[in-house]
Amino acid sequence: MSIKEWFEDRRKITGLLKNSVERDSKDANETEKNKNLSIDYAKINRLWAQCDNCESLLYIRFLRENQSVCKECGYYLQMNSSDRIELPIDRDTWHPMDEDMYTLDVLQFHSENEPSHSDHLDSEDESYKDHISFYQIETGLTDAIQTGIGQLNGIPIALGVMDFKFMGGSMGSVVGEKITRLIERATAESLPVIMVCASGGARMQEGSFSLMQMAKIASALYIHQKDKKLLYISILTSPTTGGVTASFGMLGDIIIAEPKAYIAFAGKRVIEQTLGQKVIEDFQVTEHLFGHGLFDLIVSRNLLKGVLSELFRLYGLPRK
């Protein structure tokens, strides 16, 4: 090989190395850029929300001030349980109950069809325990309900609020036990009970254990309402379905529903497949059901506290 050929080979090798370094550097810059973009999207999600009805972009702070009601179209967005507690309860009067109660995977349930929430787990390895852990981290709750004692315009009440963001507000053993303990304490202290329902029904991962909660809660309510003659108010929000509708959701002395809420036992598709015929649109929405006498009042969020206070006054409940 001549000296001239040797220099030409060196230039080719140097050019290839330079192109490779530039390409790797470009890929690294693009990866970093995408990473920064993902962080920006995460920040945006904490600041903005999109209306499920009109798709308007809503500033989270203003949305919370408006009680999660879209200012553009009046659509009721879902609220978490903590925000719902703030609606009726007087400031600095809330005392939570049974916050340390958590679910055990008694049946060793594994879901092979649901997608995994964890990066290091395959969907076939996703257990009920993994689902619970994921939603506990996501919501900051131990299960799908918060219960406690508080005051509404100075009137002591027992309040339970379901959280649909925790596994669709499904009712398992912990949810049933917390509601039962709340009712029993309210019965012992002669307090009215308010239950805010938002649930997809009984939790399938607990099998018959979740179905047993329906009877347990109904039994506690029977003592509270029939034996002790104490008030129980049920507030139905969107969605309220399945075993919750079939039990304590419909056992209230007074049943209140939010506007445009989806309230049902079985879904539209199941009903159509069972009956073999089409059903009308919006037949499981608040306004249609109210016309058929399913509940007593339709109350908007901004009026809820005042309406409840007036009901307690008519019932003769004393202020503290």
C-alpha atoms as a PDB file:
ATOM      1  CA  MET A   1       0.000   0.000   0.000  1.00  0.00           C
ATOM      2  CA  SER A   2       1.370   3.406  -0.991  1.00  0.00           C
ATOM      3  CA  ILE A   3       1.501   6.360   1.407  1.00  0.00           C
ATOM      4  CA  LYS A   4      -1.179   8.121  -0.642  1.00  0.00           C
ATOM      5  CA  GLU A   5      -3.585   5.145  -0.318  1.00  0.00           C
ATOM      6  CA  TRP A   6      -2.845   4.893   3.410  1.00  0.00           C
ATOM      7  CA  PHE A   7      -3.808   8.586   3.955  1.00  0.00           C
ATOM      8  CA  GLU A   8      -7.014   8.135   1.933  1.00  0.00           C
ATOM      9  CA  ASP A   9      -8.002   5.135   4.112  1.00  0.00           C
ATOM     10  CA  ARG A  10      -7.342   7.161   7.260  1.00  0.00           C
ATOM     11  CA  ARG A  11      -9.545  10.009   6.008  1.00  0.00           C
ATOM     12  CA  LYS A  12     -12.394   7.568   5.301  1.00  0.00           C
ATOM     13  CA  ILE A  13     -12.125   5.987   8.755  1.00  0.00           C
ATOM     14  CA  THR A  14     -11.966   9.422  10.430  1.00  0.00           C
ATOM     15  CA  GLY A  15     -15.057  10.556   8.466  1.00  0.00           C
ATOM     16  CA  LEU A  16     -17.028   7.465   9.506  1.00  0.00           C
ATOM     17  CA  LEU A  17     -16.100   7.957  13.158  1.00  0.00           C
ATOM     18  CA  LYS A  18     -17.086  11.620  13.001  1.00  0.00           C
ATOM     19  CA  ASN A  19     -20.488  10.787  11.474  1.00  0.00           C
ATOM     20  CA  SER A  20     -21.073   8.111  14.117  1.00  0.00           C
ATOM     21  CA  VAL A  21     -20.248  10.510  16.975  1.00  0.00           C
ATOM     22  CA  GLU A  22     -22.505  13.213  15.518  1.00  0.00           C
ATOM     23  CA  ARG A  23     -25.362  10.722  15.088  1.00  0.00           C
ATOM     24  CA  ASP A  24     -25.012   9.442  18.667  1.00  0.00           C
ATOM     25  CA  SER A  25     -24.871  13.019  19.966  1.00  0.00           C
ATOM     26  CA  LYS A  26     -28.006  13.903  17.981  1.00  0.00           C
ATOM     27  CA  ASP A  27     -29.853  10.844  19.369  1.00  0.00           C
ATOM     28  CA  ALA A  28     -28.828  11.772  22.905  1.00  0.00           C
ATOM     29  CA  ASN A  29     -30.049  15.345  22.412  1.00  0.00           C
ATOM     30  CA  GLU A  30     -33.385  14.132  21.031  1.00  0.00           C
ATOM     31  CA  THR A  31     -33.802  11.736  23.974  1.00  0.00           C
ATOM     32  CA  GLU A  32     -33.096  14.544  26.443  1.00  0.00           C
ATOM     33  CA  LYS A  33     -35.481  16.827  24.568  1.00  0.00           C
ATOM     34  CA  ASN A  34     -38.255  14.203  24.676  1.00  0.00           C
ATOM     35  CA  LYS A  35     -37.584  13.688  28.359  1.00  0.00           C
ATOM     36  CA  ASN A  36     -37.959  17.402  28.994  1.00  0.00           C
ATOM     37  CA  LEU A  37     -41.164  17.443  26.969  1.00  0.00           C
ATOM     38  CA  SER A  38     -42.616  14.612  29.075  1.00  0.00           C
ATOM     39  CA  ILE A  39     -41.822  16.537  32.233  1.00  0.00           C
ATOM     40  CA  ASP A  40     -43.581  19.580  30.797  1.00  0.00           C
ATOM     41  CA  TYR A  41     -46.654  17.467  30.002  1.00  0.00           C
ATOM     42  CA  ALA A  42     -46.703  16.201  33.576  1.00  0.00           C
ATOM     43  CA  LYS A  43     -46.683  19.791  34.816  1.00  0.00           C
ATOM     44  CA  ILE A  44     -49.480  20.699  32.403  1.00  0.00           C
ATOM     45  CA  ASN A  45     -51.615  17.794  33.678  1.00  0.00           C
ATOM     46  CA  ARG A  46     -51.297  19.157  37.199  1.00  0.00           C
ATOM     47  CA  LEU A  47     -52.403  22.631  36.088  1.00  0.00           C
ATOM     48  CA  TRP A  48     -55.110  21.928  33.516  1.00  0.00           C
ATOM     49  CA  ALA A  49     -58.026  19.565  32.981  1.00  0.00           C
ATOM     50  CA  GLN A  50     -60.210  18.916  29.967  1.00  0.00           C
ATOM     51  CA  CYS A  51     -63.992  18.860  30.138  1.00  0.00           C
ATOM     52  CA  ASP A  52     -65.335  15.414  29.217  1.00  0.00           C
ATOM     53  CA  ASN A  53     -68.348  17.002  27.523  1.00  0.00           C
ATOM     54  CA  CYS A  54     -67.243  20.092  25.546  1.00  0.00           C
ATOM     55  CA  GLU A  55     -63.467  19.358  25.661  1.00  0.00           C
ATOM     56  CA  SER A  56     -62.692  22.861  26.916  1.00  0.00           C
ATOM     57  CA  LEU A  57     -59.351  23.322  28.670  1.00  0.00           C
ATOM     58  CA  LEU A  58     -59.959  24.261  32.314  1.00  0.00           C
ATOM     59  CA  TYR A  59     -57.477  25.713  34.797  1.00  0.00           C
ATOM     60  CA  ILE A  60     -57.417  23.363  37.800  1.00  0.00           C
ATOM     61  CA  ARG A  61     -57.491  26.104  40.449  1.00  0.00           C
ATOM     62  CA  PHE A  62     -60.519  27.809  38.910  1.00  0.00           C
ATOM     63  CA  LEU A  63     -62.173  24.433  38.328  1.00  0.00           C
ATOM     64  CA  ARG A  64     -61.851  23.543  42.023  1.00  0.00           C
ATOM     65  CA  GLU A  65     -63.213  26.948  43.010  1.00  0.00           C
ATOM     66  CA  ASN A  66     -66.212  26.202  40.800  1.00  0.00           C
ATOM     67  CA  GLN A  67     -66.654  22.782  42.500  1.00  0.00           C
ATOM     68  CA  SER A  68     -65.479  20.857  39.410  1.00  0.00           C
ATOM     69  CA  VAL A  69     -68.260  22.195  37.203  1.00  0.00           C
ATOM     70  CA  CYS A  70     -67.275  23.284  33.688  1.00  0.00           C
ATOM     71  CA  LYS A  71     -67.882  27.022  33.237  1.00  0.00           C
ATOM     72  CA  GLU A  72     -68.294  26.598  29.492  1.00  0.00           C
ATOM     73  CA  CYS A  73     -71.070  23.997  29.372  1.00  0.00           C
ATOM     74  CA  GLY A  74     -72.050  23.335  33.021  1.00  0.00           C
ATOM     75  CA  TYR A  75     -70.921  19.695  32.874  1.00  0.00           C
ATOM     76  CA  TYR A  76     -70.220  18.019  36.226  1.00  0.00           C
ATOM     77  CA  LEU A  77     -66.709  16.593  36.272  1.00  0.00           C
ATOM     78  CA  GLN A  78     -65.743  13.887  38.758  1.00  0.00           C
ATOM     79  CA  MET A  79     -64.501  15.044  42.151  1.00  0.00           C
ATOM     80  CA  ASN A  80     -62.131  13.195  44.447  1.00  0.00           C
ATOM     81  CA  SER A  81     -63.293  12.339  47.960  1.00  0.00           C
ATOM     82  CA  SER A  82     -61.201  15.042  49.672  1.00  0.00           C
ATOM     83  CA  ASP A  83     -62.787  17.801  47.579  1.00  0.00           C
ATOM     84  CA  ARG A  84     -66.249  16.372  48.226  1.00  0.00           C
ATOM     85  CA  ILE A  85     -65.676  16.411  51.973  1.00  0.00           C
ATOM     86  CA  GLU A  86     -64.958  20.133  51.781  1.00  0.00           C
ATOM     87  CA  LEU A  87     -68.357  20.822  50.161  1.00  0.00           C
ATOM     88  CA  PRO A  88     -70.606  20.227  53.219  1.00  0.00           C
ATOM     89  CA  ILE A  89     -68.174  20.105  56.161  1.00  0.00           C
ATOM     90  CA  ASP A  90     -67.340  23.230  58.175  1.00  0.00           C
ATOM     91  CA  ARG A  91     -63.668  24.204  58.269  1.00  0.00           C
ATOM     92  CA  ASP A  92     -61.519  22.462  60.928  1.00  0.00           C
ATOM     93  CA  THR A  93     -64.347  20.173  62.090  1.00  0.00           C
ATOM     94  CA  TRP A  94     -63.493  17.017  60.108  1.00  0.00           C
ATOM     95  CA  HIS A  95     -62.282  14.001  62.130  1.00  0.00           C
ATOM     96  CA  PRO A  96     -61.543  10.969  59.901  1.00  0.00           C
ATOM     97  CA  MET A  97     -62.149   7.384  60.996  1.00  0.00           C
ATOM     98  CA  ASP A  98     -60.304   4.116  60.286  1.00  0.00           C
ATOM     99  CA  GLU A  99     -57.650   5.689  58.052  1.00  0.00           C
ATOM    100  CA  ASP A 100     -55.233   2.810  58.680  1.00  0.00           C
ATOM    101  CA  MET A 101     -57.605   0.074  57.457  1.00  0.00           C
ATOM    102  CA  TYR A 102     -56.351  -1.628  54.281  1.00  0.00           C
ATOM    103  CA  THR A 103     -57.305  -4.565  52.060  1.00  0.00           C
ATOM    104  CA  LEU A 104     -55.817  -8.089  52.176  1.00  0.00           C
ATOM    105  CA  ASP A 105     -55.705 -10.306  49.097  1.00  0.00           C
ATOM    106  CA  VAL A 106     -57.546 -13.179  50.753  1.00  0.00           C
ATOM    107  CA  LEU A 107     -58.413 -14.931  47.464  1.00  0.00           C
ATOM    108  CA  GLN A 108     -54.906 -14.499  45.951  1.00  0.00           C
ATOM    109  CA  PHE A 109     -56.588 -12.943  42.920  1.00  0.00           C
ATOM    110  CA  HIS A 110     -54.574 -12.469  39.709  1.00  0.00           C
ATOM    111  CA  SER A 111     -55.927 -10.691  36.631  1.00  0.00           C
ATOM    112  CA  GLU A 112     -54.527 -11.980  33.332  1.00  0.00           C
ATOM    113  CA  ASN A 113     -56.597  -9.671  31.146  1.00  0.00           C
ATOM    114  CA  GLU A 114     -56.024  -6.259  32.724  1.00  0.00           C
ATOM    115  CA  PRO A 115     -52.961  -4.184  31.778  1.00  0.00           C
ATOM    116  CA  SER A 116     -50.203  -3.805  34.328  1.00  0.00           C
ATOM    117  CA  HIS A 117     -49.709  -0.473  36.071  1.00  0.00           C
ATOM    118  CA  SER A 118     -46.109  -1.270  36.957  1.00  0.00           C
ATOM    119  CA  ASP A 119     -43.266  -1.083  34.455  1.00  0.00           C
ATOM    120  CA  HIS A 120     -41.474  -4.082  35.931  1.00  0.00           C
ATOM    121  CA  LEU A 121     -44.517  -6.372  35.901  1.00  0.00           C
ATOM    122  CA  ASP A 122     -46.085  -8.271  33.027  1.00  0.00           C
ATOM    123  CA  SER A 123     -49.883  -8.156  32.813  1.00  0.00           C
ATOM    124  CA  GLU A 124     -50.131 -11.857  33.696  1.00  0.00           C
ATOM    125  CA  ASP A 125     -48.184 -11.204  36.918  1.00  0.00           C
ATOM    126  CA  GLU A 126     -50.419  -8.331  38.034  1.00  0.00           C
ATOM    127  CA  SER A 127     -52.109  -9.330  41.283  1.00  0.00           C
ATOM    128  CA  TYR A 128     -54.920  -7.718  43.251  1.00  0.00           C
ATOM    129  CA  LYS A 129     -52.318  -6.635  45.784  1.00  0.00           C
ATOM    130  CA  ASP A 130     -50.407  -4.829  43.012  1.00  0.00           C
ATOM    131  CA  HIS A 131     -53.583  -3.041  41.914  1.00  0.00           C
ATOM    132  CA  ILE A 132     -54.273  -1.896  45.463  1.00  0.00           C
ATOM    133  CA  SER A 133     -50.718  -0.621  45.904  1.00  0.00           C
ATOM    134  CA  PHE A 134     -50.894   1.284  42.614  1.00  0.00           C
ATOM    135  CA  TYR A 135     -54.116   3.094  43.519  1.00  0.00           C
ATOM    136  CA  GLN A 136     -52.933   3.803  47.052  1.00  0.00           C
ATOM    137  CA  ILE A 137     -49.944   5.631  45.570  1.00  0.00           C
ATOM    138  CA  GLU A 138     -52.061   7.373  42.920  1.00  0.00           C
ATOM    139  CA  THR A 139     -54.792   8.642  45.280  1.00  0.00           C
ATOM    140  CA  GLY A 140     -53.103   8.785  48.678  1.00  0.00           C
ATOM    141  CA  LEU A 141     -55.967   6.712  50.136  1.00  0.00           C
ATOM    142  CA  THR A 142     -55.923   3.228  51.663  1.00  0.00           C
ATOM    143  CA  ASP A 143     -59.173   2.286  49.890  1.00  0.00           C
ATOM    144  CA  ALA A 144     -62.109   3.665  47.919  1.00  0.00           C
ATOM    145  CA  ILE A 145     -63.836   5.593  50.731  1.00  0.00           C
ATOM    146  CA  GLN A 146     -63.206   8.198  53.400  1.00  0.00           C
ATOM    147  CA  THR A 147     -65.356   8.237  56.538  1.00  0.00           C
ATOM    148  CA  GLY A 148     -65.457  10.512  59.536  1.00  0.00           C
ATOM    149  CA  ILE A 149     -67.347  12.865  61.840  1.00  0.00           C
ATOM    150  CA  GLY A 150     -67.742  16.564  61.116  1.00  0.00           C
ATOM    151  CA  GLN A 151     -70.088  19.495  61.358  1.00  0.00           C
ATOM    152  CA  LEU A 152     -72.412  20.958  58.739  1.00  0.00           C
ATOM    153  CA  ASN A 153     -73.324  24.535  59.689  1.00  0.00           C
ATOM    154  CA  GLY A 154     -72.682  23.564  63.293  1.00  0.00           C
ATOM    155  CA  ILE A 155     -74.699  20.322  63.159  1.00  0.00           C
ATOM    156  CA  PRO A 156     -72.658  17.166  63.958  1.00  0.00           C
ATOM    157  CA  ILE A 157     -72.934  14.531  61.227  1.00  0.00           C
ATOM    158  CA  ALA A 158     -71.365  11.228  60.174  1.00  0.00           C
ATOM    159  CA  LEU A 159     -70.141  11.376  56.577  1.00  0.00           C
ATOM    160  CA  GLY A 160     -68.869   8.743  54.149  1.00  0.00           C
ATOM    161  CA  VAL A 161     -67.537   9.739  50.718  1.00  0.00           C
ATOM    162  CA  MET A 162     -66.633   7.201  48.043  1.00  0.00           C
ATOM    163  CA  ASP A 163     -63.765   7.921  45.640  1.00  0.00           C
ATOM    164  CA  PHE A 164     -64.246   6.713  42.056  1.00  0.00           C
ATOM    165  CA  LYS A 165     -60.559   7.263  41.282  1.00  0.00           C
ATOM    166  CA  PHE A 166     -59.659   4.335  43.546  1.00  0.00           C
ATOM    167  CA  MET A 167     -60.482   1.237  41.467  1.00  0.00           C
ATOM    168  CA  GLY A 168     -63.698   2.787  40.218  1.00  0.00           C
ATOM    169  CA  GLY A 169     -64.984   3.279  43.766  1.00  0.00           C
ATOM    170  CA  SER A 170     -65.589  -0.467  43.948  1.00  0.00           C
ATOM    171  CA  MET A 171     -66.921  -1.863  47.221  1.00  0.00           C
ATOM    172  CA  GLY A 172     -64.714  -4.445  48.895  1.00  0.00           C
ATOM    173  CA  SER A 173     -64.359  -5.644  52.476  1.00  0.00           C
ATOM    174  CA  VAL A 174     -62.626  -2.479  53.675  1.00  0.00           C
ATOM    175  CA  VAL A 175     -65.222  -0.167  52.110  1.00  0.00           C
ATOM    176  CA  GLY A 176     -68.044  -2.202  53.624  1.00  0.00           C
ATOM    177  CA  GLU A 177     -66.403  -2.348  57.049  1.00  0.00           C
ATOM    178  CA  LYS A 178     -65.663   1.385  57.138  1.00  0.00           C
ATOM    179  CA  ILE A 179     -69.257   2.246  56.201  1.00  0.00           C
ATOM    180  CA  THR A 180     -70.629  -0.175  58.806  1.00  0.00           C
ATOM    181  CA  ARG A 181     -68.404   1.255  61.550  1.00  0.00           C
ATOM    182  CA  LEU A 182     -69.440   4.786  60.562  1.00  0.00           C
ATOM    183  CA  ILE A 183     -73.134   3.892  60.798  1.00  0.00           C
ATOM    184  CA  GLU A 184     -72.667   2.094  64.123  1.00  0.00           C
ATOM    185  CA  ARG A 185     -70.854   5.084  65.621  1.00  0.00           C
ATOM    186  CA  ALA A 186     -73.528   7.451  64.303  1.00  0.00           C
ATOM    187  CA  THR A 187     -76.197   5.210  65.860  1.00  0.00           C
ATOM    188  CA  ALA A 188     -74.384   5.181  69.220  1.00  0.00           C
ATOM    189  CA  GLU A 189     -73.971   8.982  69.191  1.00  0.00           C
ATOM    190  CA  SER A 190     -77.406   9.722  67.642  1.00  0.00           C
ATOM    191  CA  LEU A 191     -75.951  11.413  64.563  1.00  0.00           C
ATOM    192  CA  PRO A 192     -77.430  11.632  61.068  1.00  0.00           C
ATOM    193  CA  VAL A 193     -75.529   9.732  58.355  1.00  0.00           C
ATOM    194  CA  ILE A 194     -74.746  11.083  54.893  1.00  0.00           C
ATOM    195  CA  MET A 195     -73.298   8.747  52.250  1.00  0.00           C
ATOM    196  CA  VAL A 196     -71.922  10.179  49.005  1.00  0.00           C
ATOM    197  CA  CYS A 197     -71.953   7.348  46.457  1.00  0.00           C
ATOM    198  CA  ALA A 198     -69.660   7.085  43.432  1.00  0.00           C
ATOM    199  CA  SER A 199     -69.011   3.479  42.521  1.00  0.00           C
ATOM    200  CA  GLY A 200     -68.971   0.843  39.829  1.00  0.00           C
ATOM    201  CA  GLY A 201     -70.386  -1.682  42.314  1.00  0.00           C
ATOM    202  CA  ALA A 202     -69.000  -4.656  44.229  1.00  0.00           C
ATOM    203  CA  ARG A 203     -65.281  -5.428  43.781  1.00  0.00           C
ATOM    204  CA  MET A 204     -64.870  -8.596  41.729  1.00  0.00           C
ATOM    205  CA  GLN A 205     -61.375  -9.317  43.106  1.00  0.00           C
ATOM    206  CA  GLU A 206     -62.914 -10.156  46.492  1.00  0.00           C
ATOM    207  CA  GLY A 207     -65.713 -12.371  45.200  1.00  0.00           C
ATOM    208  CA  SER A 208     -68.476 -13.139  47.701  1.00  0.00           C
ATOM    209  CA  PHE A 209     -66.667 -11.155  50.405  1.00  0.00           C
ATOM    210  CA  SER A 210     -67.582  -7.954  48.553  1.00  0.00           C
ATOM    211  CA  LEU A 211     -71.212  -9.082  48.080  1.00  0.00           C
ATOM    212  CA  MET A 212     -71.540  -9.747  51.817  1.00  0.00           C
ATOM    213  CA  GLN A 213     -70.936  -6.035  52.456  1.00  0.00           C
ATOM    214  CA  MET A 214     -74.342  -5.213  50.970  1.00  0.00           C
ATOM    215  CA  ALA A 215     -76.181  -7.185  53.641  1.00  0.00           C
ATOM    216  CA  LYS A 216     -73.859  -6.012  56.434  1.00  0.00           C
ATOM    217  CA  ILE A 217     -74.378  -2.331  55.636  1.00  0.00           C
ATOM    218  CA  ALA A 218     -78.133  -2.803  55.172  1.00  0.00           C
ATOM    219  CA  SER A 219     -78.348  -4.462  58.603  1.00  0.00           C
ATOM    220  CA  ALA A 220     -76.513  -1.565  60.263  1.00  0.00           C
ATOM    221  CA  LEU A 221     -78.793   0.913  58.501  1.00  0.00           C
ATOM    222  CA  TYR A 222     -81.883  -0.993  59.640  1.00  0.00           C
ATOM    223  CA  ILE A 223     -80.890  -0.473  63.272  1.00  0.00           C
ATOM    224  CA  HIS A 224     -79.992   3.172  62.615  1.00  0.00           C
ATOM    225  CA  GLN A 225     -83.206   4.033  60.754  1.00  0.00           C
ATOM    226  CA  LYS A 226     -85.907   1.702  62.066  1.00  0.00           C
ATOM    227  CA  ASP A 227     -84.878   0.979  65.632  1.00  0.00           C
ATOM    228  CA  LYS A 228     -83.242   4.285  66.595  1.00  0.00           C
ATOM    229  CA  LYS A 229     -85.341   6.493  64.247  1.00  0.00           C
ATOM    230  CA  LEU A 230     -82.245   8.356  63.029  1.00  0.00           C
ATOM    231  CA  LEU A 231     -81.809  10.093  59.679  1.00  0.00           C
ATOM    232  CA  TYR A 232     -79.880   8.651  56.738  1.00  0.00           C
ATOM    233  CA  ILE A 233     -79.367  10.676  53.541  1.00  0.00           C
ATOM    234  CA  SER A 234     -77.951   9.122  50.391  1.00  0.00           C
ATOM    235  CA  ILE A 235     -76.319  11.347  47.740  1.00  0.00           C
ATOM    236  CA  LEU A 236     -75.913   9.720  44.322  1.00  0.00           C
ATOM    237  CA  THR A 237     -73.185  11.067  42.040  1.00  0.00           C
ATOM    238  CA  SER A 238     -71.945   9.930  38.650  1.00  0.00           C
ATOM    239  CA  PRO A 239     -71.545   7.020  38.338  1.00  0.00           C
ATOM    240  CA  THR A 240     -73.457   5.031  40.942  1.00  0.00           C
ATOM    241  CA  THR A 241     -74.047   1.467  39.762  1.00  0.00           C
ATOM    242  CA  GLY A 242     -74.131  -2.218  40.689  1.00  0.00           C
ATOM    243  CA  GLY A 243     -74.094  -3.380  44.289  1.00  0.00           C
ATOM    244  CA  VAL A 244     -73.941   0.146  45.700  1.00  0.00           C
ATOM    245  CA  THR A 245     -77.168   1.095  43.917  1.00  0.00           C
ATOM    246  CA  ALA A 246     -78.697  -2.213  45.018  1.00  0.00           C
ATOM    247  CA  SER A 247     -77.896  -1.619  48.700  1.00  0.00           C
ATOM    248  CA  PHE A 248     -77.167   1.532  50.730  1.00  0.00           C
ATOM    249  CA  GLY A 249     -77.417   3.851  47.705  1.00  0.00           C
ATOM    250  CA  MET A 250     -81.193   3.391  47.628  1.00  0.00           C
ATOM    251  CA  LEU A 251     -81.895   2.962  51.342  1.00  0.00           C
ATOM    252  CA  GLY A 252     -81.845   6.641  52.290  1.00  0.00           C
ATOM    253  CA  ASP A 253     -84.725   8.320  54.095  1.00  0.00           C
ATOM    254  CA  ILE A 254     -83.986  11.078  51.609  1.00  0.00           C
ATOM    255  CA  ILE A 255     -82.213  10.311  48.324  1.00  0.00           C
ATOM    256  CA  ILE A 256     -80.478  13.186  46.536  1.00  0.00           C
ATOM    257  CA  ALA A 257     -78.879  13.029  43.089  1.00  0.00           C
ATOM    258  CA  GLU A 258     -76.522  15.345  41.220  1.00  0.00           C
ATOM    259  CA  PRO A 259     -77.652  16.729  37.839  1.00  0.00           C
ATOM    260  CA  LYS A 260     -76.846  14.581  34.783  1.00  0.00           C
ATOM    261  CA  ALA A 261     -75.475  11.751  36.950  1.00  0.00           C
ATOM    262  CA  TYR A 262     -75.345   8.188  35.596  1.00  0.00           C
ATOM    263  CA  ILE A 263     -77.279   5.984  38.036  1.00  0.00           C
ATOM    264  CA  ALA A 264     -78.007   2.337  37.305  1.00  0.00           C
ATOM    265  CA  PHE A 265     -77.804  -1.256  38.462  1.00  0.00           C
ATOM    266  CA  ALA A 266     -76.840  -2.934  35.191  1.00  0.00           C
ATOM    267  CA  GLY A 267     -75.379  -1.033  32.248  1.00  0.00           C
ATOM    268  CA  LYS A 268     -77.215  -0.240  29.027  1.00  0.00           C
ATOM    269  CA  ARG A 269     -75.350  -2.881  27.013  1.00  0.00           C
ATOM    270  CA  VAL A 270     -76.157  -5.639  29.524  1.00  0.00           C
ATOM    271  CA  ILE A 271     -79.843  -4.675  29.586  1.00  0.00           C
ATOM    272  CA  GLU A 272     -80.070  -4.637  25.790  1.00  0.00           C
ATOM    273  CA  GLN A 273     -78.386  -8.030  25.502  1.00  0.00           C
ATOM    274  CA  THR A 274     -80.621  -9.516  28.219  1.00  0.00           C
ATOM    275  CA  LEU A 275     -83.923  -8.112  26.906  1.00  0.00           C
ATOM    276  CA  GLY A 276     -82.988  -8.350  23.243  1.00  0.00           C
ATOM    277  CA  GLN A 277     -84.227  -4.844  22.512  1.00  0.00           C
ATOM    278  CA  LYS A 278     -82.937  -1.290  22.349  1.00  0.00           C
ATOM    279  CA  VAL A 279     -83.455   1.091  25.253  1.00  0.00           C
ATOM    280  CA  ILE A 280     -83.860   4.851  24.974  1.00  0.00           C
ATOM    281  CA  GLU A 281     -80.932   7.240  25.307  1.00  0.00           C
ATOM    282  CA  ASP A 282     -80.253   8.779  28.735  1.00  0.00           C
ATOM    283  CA  PHE A 283     -82.754   6.489  30.435  1.00  0.00           C
ATOM    284  CA  GLN A 284     -80.250   5.986  33.293  1.00  0.00           C
ATOM    285  CA  VAL A 285     -79.540   9.694  33.754  1.00  0.00           C
ATOM    286  CA  THR A 286     -80.731  11.687  36.781  1.00  0.00           C
ATOM    287  CA  GLU A 287     -83.428  13.777  35.100  1.00  0.00           C
ATOM    288  CA  HIS A 288     -85.130  10.796  33.429  1.00  0.00           C
ATOM    289  CA  LEU A 289     -85.020   8.688  36.600  1.00  0.00           C
ATOM    290  CA  PHE A 290     -86.360  11.566  38.711  1.00  0.00           C
ATOM    291  CA  GLY A 291     -89.447  11.647  36.512  1.00  0.00           C
ATOM    292  CA  HIS A 292     -90.055   8.013  37.457  1.00  0.00           C
ATOM    293  CA  GLY A 293     -89.745   8.650  41.212  1.00  0.00           C
ATOM    294  CA  LEU A 294     -86.372   7.004  41.826  1.00  0.00           C
ATOM    295  CA  PHE A 295     -85.191   9.708  44.236  1.00  0.00           C
ATOM    296  CA  ASP A 296     -86.410  12.825  46.039  1.00  0.00           C
ATOM    297  CA  LEU A 297     -84.252  15.777  44.981  1.00  0.00           C
ATOM    298  CA  ILE A 298     -81.856  16.901  42.270  1.00  0.00           C
ATOM    299  CA  VAL A 299     -79.383  19.289  43.888  1.00  0.00           C
ATOM    300  CA  SER A 300     -76.450  21.102  42.301  1.00  0.00           C
ATOM    301  CA  ARG A 301     -73.118  21.158  44.136  1.00  0.00           C
ATOM    302  CA  ASN A 302     -73.194  24.842  45.003  1.00  0.00           C
ATOM    303  CA  LEU A 303     -76.569  24.431  46.755  1.00  0.00           C
ATOM    304  CA  LEU A 304     -75.898  21.106  48.464  1.00  0.00           C
ATOM    305  CA  LYS A 305     -74.734  22.387  51.845  1.00  0.00           C
ATOM    306  CA  GLY A 306     -77.683  24.768  52.170  1.00  0.00           C
ATOM    307  CA  VAL A 307     -80.207  22.081  51.197  1.00  0.00           C
ATOM    308  CA  LEU A 308     -78.753  19.588  53.681  1.00  0.00           C
ATOM    309  CA  SER A 309     -78.764  22.227  56.434  1.00  0.00           C
ATOM    310  CA  GLU A 310     -82.432  22.996  55.724  1.00  0.00           C
ATOM    311  CA  LEU A 311     -83.330  19.296  55.802  1.00  0.00           C
ATOM    312  CA  PHE A 312     -81.600  18.888  59.176  1.00  0.00           C
ATOM    313  CA  ARG A 313     -83.445  21.953  60.496  1.00  0.00           C
ATOM    314  CA  LEU A 314     -86.790  20.507  59.388  1.00  0.00           C
ATOM    315  CA  TYR A 315     -85.823  17.212  60.994  1.00  0.00           C
ATOM    316  CA  GLY A 316     -85.139  19.063  64.252  1.00  0.00           C
ATOM    317  CA  LEU A 317     -81.433  18.309  64.594  1.00  0.00           C
ATOM    318  CA  PRO A 318     -79.709  20.555  67.150  1.00  0.00           C
ATOM    319  CA  ARG A 319     -76.561  22.583  66.511  1.00  0.00           C
ATOM    320  CA  LYS A 320     -73.543  21.785  68.631  1.00  0.00           C
END
